[in-house]
Amino acid sequence: MKPFDTETHSYVQVYVYNAEEIAEGTAEPKLVYVCDPKDAMSPAEVAIKVKRAGFDTFEIVEGTEITKRYLVSDLNK
């Protein structure tokens, strides 16, 4: 079965937390920024904003999602 439509979407997410939380095992990263990769800040720019917000650790996650759409009527083809 072939999809009738395919879409690819790339993104960048930034999560913040504190090193103390990691050491205690209670770290729950907070999502603070999502954007298109072409609009992403550099790690140095992110670090400045993270420090201003009172956090000391951050993660940058880059991802790509592929969406495939299928028609149920094509099931027997």
PDB file of N, CA and C in Angstrom:
ATOM      1  N   MET A   1       0.850  -1.173   0.000  1.00  0.00           N
ATOM      2  CA  MET A   1       0.000   0.000   0.000  1.00  0.00           C
ATOM      3  C   MET A   1       0.893   1.232   0.000  1.00  0.00           C
ATOM      4  N   LYS A   2       0.604   2.150  -0.875  1.00  0.00           N
ATOM      5  CA  LYS A   2       1.405   3.365  -0.968  1.00  0.00           C
ATOM      6  C   LYS A   2       0.631   4.544  -0.382  1.00  0.00           C
ATOM      7  N   PRO A   3       1.327   5.438   0.310  1.00  0.00           N
ATOM      8  CA  PRO A   3       0.649   6.635   0.816  1.00  0.00           C
ATOM      9  C   PRO A   3       0.277   7.551  -0.344  1.00  0.00           C
ATOM     10  N   PHE A   4      -0.838   8.272  -0.195  1.00  0.00           N
ATOM     11  CA  PHE A   4      -1.213   9.220  -1.233  1.00  0.00           C
ATOM     12  C   PHE A   4      -0.549  10.571  -1.001  1.00  0.00           C
ATOM     13  N   ASP A   5      -0.010  10.762   0.199  1.00  0.00           N
ATOM     14  CA  ASP A   5       0.637  12.032   0.521  1.00  0.00           C
ATOM     15  C   ASP A   5       1.683  11.784   1.603  1.00  0.00           C
ATOM     16  N   THR A   6       2.817  12.438   1.481  1.00  0.00           N
ATOM     17  CA  THR A   6       3.879  12.328   2.480  1.00  0.00           C
ATOM     18  C   THR A   6       4.380  13.727   2.802  1.00  0.00           C
ATOM     19  N   GLU A   7       4.611  13.969   4.073  1.00  0.00           N
ATOM     20  CA  GLU A   7       5.074  15.283   4.525  1.00  0.00           C
ATOM     21  C   GLU A   7       6.212  15.087   5.515  1.00  0.00           C
ATOM     22  N   THR A   8       7.274  15.860   5.359  1.00  0.00           N
ATOM     23  CA  THR A   8       8.404  15.798   6.281  1.00  0.00           C
ATOM     24  C   THR A   8       8.498  17.122   7.025  1.00  0.00           C
ATOM     25  N   HIS A   9       8.668  17.031   8.324  1.00  0.00           N
ATOM     26  CA  HIS A   9       8.742  18.230   9.166  1.00  0.00           C
ATOM     27  C   HIS A   9       9.944  18.098  10.093  1.00  0.00           C
ATOM     28  N   SER A  10      10.843  19.072  10.052  1.00  0.00           N
ATOM     29  CA  SER A  10      12.004  19.084  10.952  1.00  0.00           C
ATOM     30  C   SER A  10      11.789  20.129  12.037  1.00  0.00           C
ATOM     31  N   TYR A  11      12.359  19.875  13.206  1.00  0.00           N
ATOM     32  CA  TYR A  11      12.182  20.796  14.323  1.00  0.00           C
ATOM     33  C   TYR A  11      13.382  20.741  15.260  1.00  0.00           C
ATOM     34  N   VAL A  12      13.482  21.774  16.088  1.00  0.00           N
ATOM     35  CA  VAL A  12      14.486  21.845  17.151  1.00  0.00           C
ATOM     36  C   VAL A  12      13.730  22.143  18.436  1.00  0.00           C
ATOM     37  N   GLN A  13      14.044  21.396  19.497  1.00  0.00           N
ATOM     38  CA  GLN A  13      13.437  21.624  20.806  1.00  0.00           C
ATOM     39  C   GLN A  13      14.554  21.868  21.814  1.00  0.00           C
ATOM     40  N   VAL A  14      14.297  22.771  22.753  1.00  0.00           N
ATOM     41  CA  VAL A  14      15.255  23.026  23.831  1.00  0.00           C
ATOM     42  C   VAL A  14      14.568  22.718  25.156  1.00  0.00           C
ATOM     43  N   TYR A  15      15.214  21.876  25.957  1.00  0.00           N
ATOM     44  CA  TYR A  15      14.734  21.505  27.288  1.00  0.00           C
ATOM     45  C   TYR A  15      15.723  22.040  28.319  1.00  0.00           C
ATOM     46  N   VAL A  16      15.211  22.516  29.451  1.00  0.00           N
ATOM     47  CA  VAL A  16      16.077  23.032  30.515  1.00  0.00           C
ATOM     48  C   VAL A  16      15.795  22.325  31.833  1.00  0.00           C
ATOM     49  N   TYR A  17      16.819  22.278  32.685  1.00  0.00           N
ATOM     50  CA  TYR A  17      16.695  21.761  34.047  1.00  0.00           C
ATOM     51  C   TYR A  17      17.959  22.132  34.795  1.00  0.00           C
ATOM     52  N   ASN A  18      18.040  21.766  36.062  1.00  0.00           N
ATOM     53  CA  ASN A  18      19.212  22.074  36.881  1.00  0.00           C
ATOM     54  C   ASN A  18      20.004  20.808  37.180  1.00  0.00           C
ATOM     55  N   ALA A  19      21.327  20.932  37.227  1.00  0.00           N
ATOM     56  CA  ALA A  19      22.217  19.793  37.481  1.00  0.00           C
ATOM     57  C   ALA A  19      21.907  19.147  38.833  1.00  0.00           C
ATOM     58  N   GLU A  20      21.500  19.943  39.801  1.00  0.00           N
ATOM     59  CA  GLU A  20      21.162  19.412  41.128  1.00  0.00           C
ATOM     60  C   GLU A  20      20.013  18.410  41.024  1.00  0.00           C
ATOM     61  N   GLU A  21      19.027  18.718  40.175  1.00  0.00           N
ATOM     62  CA  GLU A  21      17.902  17.801  39.974  1.00  0.00           C
ATOM     63  C   GLU A  21      18.376  16.486  39.359  1.00  0.00           C
ATOM     64  N   ILE A  22      19.346  16.565  38.467  1.00  0.00           N
ATOM     65  CA  ILE A  22      19.890  15.357  37.837  1.00  0.00           C
ATOM     66  C   ILE A  22      20.565  14.495  38.899  1.00  0.00           C
ATOM     67  N   ALA A  23      21.369  15.127  39.753  1.00  0.00           N
ATOM     68  CA  ALA A  23      22.090  14.400  40.804  1.00  0.00           C
ATOM     69  C   ALA A  23      21.127  13.717  41.772  1.00  0.00           C
ATOM     70  N   GLU A  24      20.003  14.369  42.051  1.00  0.00           N
ATOM     71  CA  GLU A  24      19.008  13.806  42.968  1.00  0.00           C
ATOM     72  C   GLU A  24      18.100  12.783  42.286  1.00  0.00           C
ATOM     73  N   GLY A  25      18.175  12.713  40.966  1.00  0.00           N
ATOM     74  CA  GLY A  25      17.308  11.797  40.227  1.00  0.00           C
ATOM     75  C   GLY A  25      15.895  12.305  40.055  1.00  0.00           C
ATOM     76  N   THR A  26      15.697  13.600  40.252  1.00  0.00           N
ATOM     77  CA  THR A  26      14.360  14.179  40.134  1.00  0.00           C
ATOM     78  C   THR A  26      14.223  15.090  38.922  1.00  0.00           C
ATOM     79  N   ALA A  27      15.183  15.044  38.026  1.00  0.00           N
ATOM     80  CA  ALA A  27      15.177  15.948  36.871  1.00  0.00           C
ATOM     81  C   ALA A  27      14.028  15.630  35.927  1.00  0.00           C
ATOM     82  N   GLU A  28      13.240  16.630  35.651  1.00  0.00           N
ATOM     83  CA  GLU A  28      12.193  16.550  34.645  1.00  0.00           C
ATOM     84  C   GLU A  28      12.392  17.739  33.722  1.00  0.00           C
ATOM     85  N   PRO A  29      13.033  17.526  32.582  1.00  0.00           N
ATOM     86  CA  PRO A  29      13.305  18.646  31.679  1.00  0.00           C
ATOM     87  C   PRO A  29      12.027  19.384  31.294  1.00  0.00           C
ATOM     88  N   LYS A  30      12.140  20.690  31.195  1.00  0.00           N
ATOM     89  CA  LYS A  30      11.013  21.527  30.806  1.00  0.00           C
ATOM     90  C   LYS A  30      11.245  22.006  29.378  1.00  0.00           C
ATOM     91  N   LEU A  31      10.264  21.781  28.508  1.00  0.00           N
ATOM     92  CA  LEU A  31      10.355  22.234  27.126  1.00  0.00           C
ATOM     93  C   LEU A  31      10.129  23.736  27.096  1.00  0.00           C
ATOM     94  N   VAL A  32      11.107  24.480  26.580  1.00  0.00           N
ATOM     95  CA  VAL A  32      10.982  25.933  26.597  1.00  0.00           C
ATOM     96  C   VAL A  32      11.043  26.577  25.220  1.00  0.00           C
ATOM     97  N   TYR A  33      11.401  25.804  24.192  1.00  0.00           N
ATOM     98  CA  TYR A  33      11.607  26.430  22.894  1.00  0.00           C
ATOM     99  C   TYR A  33      11.449  25.386  21.803  1.00  0.00           C
ATOM    100  N   VAL A  34      10.638  25.684  20.810  1.00  0.00           N
ATOM    101  CA  VAL A  34      10.478  24.816  19.647  1.00  0.00           C
ATOM    102  C   VAL A  34      10.523  25.709  18.415  1.00  0.00           C
ATOM    103  N   CYS A  35      11.294  25.296  17.414  1.00  0.00           N
ATOM    104  CA  CYS A  35      11.371  26.103  16.203  1.00  0.00           C
ATOM    105  C   CYS A  35      11.798  25.255  15.017  1.00  0.00           C
ATOM    106  N   ASP A  36      11.773  25.867  13.872  1.00  0.00           N
ATOM    107  CA  ASP A  36      12.297  25.275  12.650  1.00  0.00           C
ATOM    108  C   ASP A  36      13.823  25.335  12.727  1.00  0.00           C
ATOM    109  N   PRO A  37      14.535  24.339  12.221  1.00  0.00           N
ATOM    110  CA  PRO A  37      16.003  24.349  12.319  1.00  0.00           C
ATOM    111  C   PRO A  37      16.660  25.613  11.768  1.00  0.00           C
ATOM    112  N   LYS A  38      16.089  26.197  10.727  1.00  0.00           N
ATOM    113  CA  LYS A  38      16.705  27.400  10.156  1.00  0.00           C
ATOM    114  C   LYS A  38      16.568  28.618  11.074  1.00  0.00           C
ATOM    115  N   ASP A  39      15.648  28.560  12.036  1.00  0.00           N
ATOM    116  CA  ASP A  39      15.449  29.662  12.980  1.00  0.00           C
ATOM    117  C   ASP A  39      16.092  29.398  14.338  1.00  0.00           C
ATOM    118  N   ALA A  40      16.798  28.291  14.475  1.00  0.00           N
ATOM    119  CA  ALA A  40      17.357  27.889  15.775  1.00  0.00           C
ATOM    120  C   ALA A  40      18.487  28.815  16.222  1.00  0.00           C
ATOM    121  N   MET A  41      18.548  29.023  17.531  1.00  0.00           N
ATOM    122  CA  MET A  41      19.636  29.798  18.122  1.00  0.00           C
ATOM    123  C   MET A  41      20.868  28.914  18.250  1.00  0.00           C
ATOM    124  N   SER A  42      22.016  29.543  18.337  1.00  0.00           N
ATOM    125  CA  SER A  42      23.249  28.788  18.574  1.00  0.00           C
ATOM    126  C   SER A  42      23.259  28.324  20.033  1.00  0.00           C
ATOM    127  N   PRO A  43      24.035  27.294  20.350  1.00  0.00           N
ATOM    128  CA  PRO A  43      24.134  26.859  21.748  1.00  0.00           C
ATOM    129  C   PRO A  43      24.586  27.984  22.683  1.00  0.00           C
ATOM    130  N   ALA A  44      25.451  28.874  22.211  1.00  0.00           N
ATOM    131  CA  ALA A  44      25.899  29.998  23.047  1.00  0.00           C
ATOM    132  C   ALA A  44      24.739  30.936  23.368  1.00  0.00           C
ATOM    133  N   GLU A  45      23.882  31.204  22.386  1.00  0.00           N
ATOM    134  CA  GLU A  45      22.714  32.057  22.623  1.00  0.00           C
ATOM    135  C   GLU A  45      21.737  31.382  23.576  1.00  0.00           C
ATOM    136  N   VAL A  46      21.546  30.092  23.396  1.00  0.00           N
ATOM    137  CA  VAL A  46      20.653  29.337  24.286  1.00  0.00           C
ATOM    138  C   VAL A  46      21.186  29.385  25.710  1.00  0.00           C
ATOM    139  N   ALA A  47      22.496  29.199  25.879  1.00  0.00           N
ATOM    140  CA  ALA A  47      23.110  29.194  27.213  1.00  0.00           C
ATOM    141  C   ALA A  47      22.847  30.503  27.952  1.00  0.00           C
ATOM    142  N   ILE A  48      22.939  31.620  27.258  1.00  0.00           N
ATOM    143  CA  ILE A  48      22.684  32.927  27.884  1.00  0.00           C
ATOM    144  C   ILE A  48      21.247  32.997  28.382  1.00  0.00           C
ATOM    145  N   LYS A  49      20.302  32.592  27.543  1.00  0.00           N
ATOM    146  CA  LYS A  49      18.886  32.647  27.930  1.00  0.00           C
ATOM    147  C   LYS A  49      18.558  31.662  29.054  1.00  0.00           C
ATOM    148  N   VAL A  50      19.176  30.484  29.019  1.00  0.00           N
ATOM    149  CA  VAL A  50      18.954  29.479  30.058  1.00  0.00           C
ATOM    150  C   VAL A  50      19.454  29.995  31.400  1.00  0.00           C
ATOM    151  N   LYS A  51      20.627  30.600  31.408  1.00  0.00           N
ATOM    152  CA  LYS A  51      21.193  31.147  32.649  1.00  0.00           C
ATOM    153  C   LYS A  51      20.304  32.252  33.206  1.00  0.00           C
ATOM    154  N   ARG A  52      19.810  33.131  32.326  1.00  0.00           N
ATOM    155  CA  ARG A  52      18.915  34.216  32.760  1.00  0.00           C
ATOM    156  C   ARG A  52      17.635  33.671  33.390  1.00  0.00           C
ATOM    157  N   ALA A  53      17.188  32.518  32.888  1.00  0.00           N
ATOM    158  CA  ALA A  53      15.951  31.914  33.390  1.00  0.00           C
ATOM    159  C   ALA A  53      16.155  31.142  34.693  1.00  0.00           C
ATOM    160  N   GLY A  54      17.418  31.032  35.153  1.00  0.00           N
ATOM    161  CA  GLY A  54      17.683  30.384  36.428  1.00  0.00           C
ATOM    162  C   GLY A  54      17.996  28.900  36.341  1.00  0.00           C
ATOM    163  N   PHE A  55      18.293  28.414  35.159  1.00  0.00           N
ATOM    164  CA  PHE A  55      18.655  27.006  34.981  1.00  0.00           C
ATOM    165  C   PHE A  55      20.138  26.906  34.657  1.00  0.00           C
ATOM    166  N   ASP A  56      20.708  25.710  34.819  1.00  0.00           N
ATOM    167  CA  ASP A  56      22.138  25.568  34.529  1.00  0.00           C
ATOM    168  C   ASP A  56      22.456  24.463  33.529  1.00  0.00           C
ATOM    169  N   THR A  57      21.435  23.789  33.019  1.00  0.00           N
ATOM    170  CA  THR A  57      21.654  22.699  32.075  1.00  0.00           C
ATOM    171  C   THR A  57      20.571  22.752  31.004  1.00  0.00           C
ATOM    172  N   PHE A  58      20.960  22.464  29.763  1.00  0.00           N
ATOM    173  CA  PHE A  58      19.956  22.400  28.707  1.00  0.00           C
ATOM    174  C   PHE A  58      20.304  21.320  27.696  1.00  0.00           C
ATOM    175  N   GLU A  59      19.275  20.865  26.990  1.00  0.00           N
ATOM    176  CA  GLU A  59      19.423  19.879  25.922  1.00  0.00           C
ATOM    177  C   GLU A  59      18.828  20.467  24.657  1.00  0.00           C
ATOM    178  N   ILE A  60      19.478  20.231  23.544  1.00  0.00           N
ATOM    179  CA  ILE A  60      18.923  20.608  22.252  1.00  0.00           C
ATOM    180  C   ILE A  60      18.603  19.309  21.520  1.00  0.00           C
ATOM    181  N   VAL A  61      17.341  19.155  21.159  1.00  0.00           N
ATOM    182  CA  VAL A  61      16.886  17.954  20.464  1.00  0.00           C
ATOM    183  C   VAL A  61      16.504  18.352  19.041  1.00  0.00           C
ATOM    184  N   GLU A  62      17.125  17.705  18.071  1.00  0.00           N
ATOM    185  CA  GLU A  62      16.786  17.942  16.672  1.00  0.00           C
ATOM    186  C   GLU A  62      16.057  16.712  16.157  1.00  0.00           C
ATOM    187  N   GLY A  63      14.927  16.927  15.525  1.00  0.00           N
ATOM    188  CA  GLY A  63      14.156  15.783  15.055  1.00  0.00           C
ATOM    189  C   GLY A  63      13.519  16.016  13.703  1.00  0.00           C
ATOM    190  N   THR A  64      13.129  14.930  13.099  1.00  0.00           N
ATOM    191  CA  THR A  64      12.410  14.961  11.830  1.00  0.00           C
ATOM    192  C   THR A  64      11.255  13.980  11.925  1.00  0.00           C
ATOM    193  N   GLU A  65      10.086  14.447  11.558  1.00  0.00           N
ATOM    194  CA  GLU A  65       8.901  13.594  11.537  1.00  0.00           C
ATOM    195  C   GLU A  65       8.474  13.398  10.093  1.00  0.00           C
ATOM    196  N   ILE A  66       8.118  12.196   9.764  1.00  0.00           N
ATOM    197  CA  ILE A  66       7.593  11.905   8.434  1.00  0.00           C
ATOM    198  C   ILE A  66       6.154  11.447   8.603  1.00  0.00           C
ATOM    199  N   THR A  67       5.235  12.172   7.992  1.00  0.00           N
ATOM    200  CA  THR A  67       3.821  11.829   8.050  1.00  0.00           C
ATOM    201  C   THR A  67       3.424  11.217   6.714  1.00  0.00           C
ATOM    202  N   LYS A  68       2.810  10.042   6.766  1.00  0.00           N
ATOM    203  CA  LYS A  68       2.330   9.363   5.558  1.00  0.00           C
ATOM    204  C   LYS A  68       0.824   9.203   5.675  1.00  0.00           C
ATOM    205  N   ARG A  69       0.105   9.666   4.660  1.00  0.00           N
ATOM    206  CA  ARG A  69      -1.352   9.571   4.666  1.00  0.00           C
ATOM    207  C   ARG A  69      -1.798   8.495   3.672  1.00  0.00           C
ATOM    208  N   TYR A  70      -2.742   7.677   4.117  1.00  0.00           N
ATOM    209  CA  TYR A  70      -3.250   6.577   3.302  1.00  0.00           C
ATOM    210  C   TYR A  70      -4.761   6.700   3.162  1.00  0.00           C
ATOM    211  N   LEU A  71      -5.289   6.219   2.065  1.00  0.00           N
ATOM    212  CA  LEU A  71      -6.731   6.138   1.870  1.00  0.00           C
ATOM    213  C   LEU A  71      -7.181   4.718   2.161  1.00  0.00           C
ATOM    214  N   VAL A  72      -8.196   4.573   2.975  1.00  0.00           N
ATOM    215  CA  VAL A  72      -8.724   3.252   3.300  1.00  0.00           C
ATOM    216  C   VAL A  72      -9.273   2.587   2.039  1.00  0.00           C
ATOM    217  N   SER A  73      -9.789   3.360   1.111  1.00  0.00           N
ATOM    218  CA  SER A  73     -10.340   2.789  -0.130  1.00  0.00           C
ATOM    219  C   SER A  73      -9.268   2.100  -0.970  1.00  0.00           C
ATOM    220  N   ASP A  74      -7.988   2.401  -0.733  1.00  0.00           N
ATOM    221  CA  ASP A  74      -6.882   1.776  -1.462  1.00  0.00           C
ATOM    222  C   ASP A  74      -6.446   0.458  -0.824  1.00  0.00           C
ATOM    223  N   LEU A  75      -7.142   0.000   0.189  1.00  0.00           N
ATOM    224  CA  LEU A  75      -6.738  -1.174   0.951  1.00  0.00           C
ATOM    225  C   LEU A  75      -6.598  -2.432   0.100  1.00  0.00           C
ATOM    226  N   ASN A  76      -7.450  -2.610  -0.888  1.00  0.00           N
ATOM    227  CA  ASN A  76      -7.425  -3.821  -1.707  1.00  0.00           C
ATOM    228  C   ASN A  76      -6.531  -3.700  -2.937  1.00  0.00           C
ATOM    229  N   LYS A  77      -5.811  -2.636  -3.052  1.00  0.00           N
ATOM    230  CA  LYS A  77      -4.956  -2.433  -4.233  1.00  0.00           C
ATOM    231  C   LYS A  77      -3.551  -2.874  -3.966  1.00  0.00           C
TER     232      LYS A  77
END
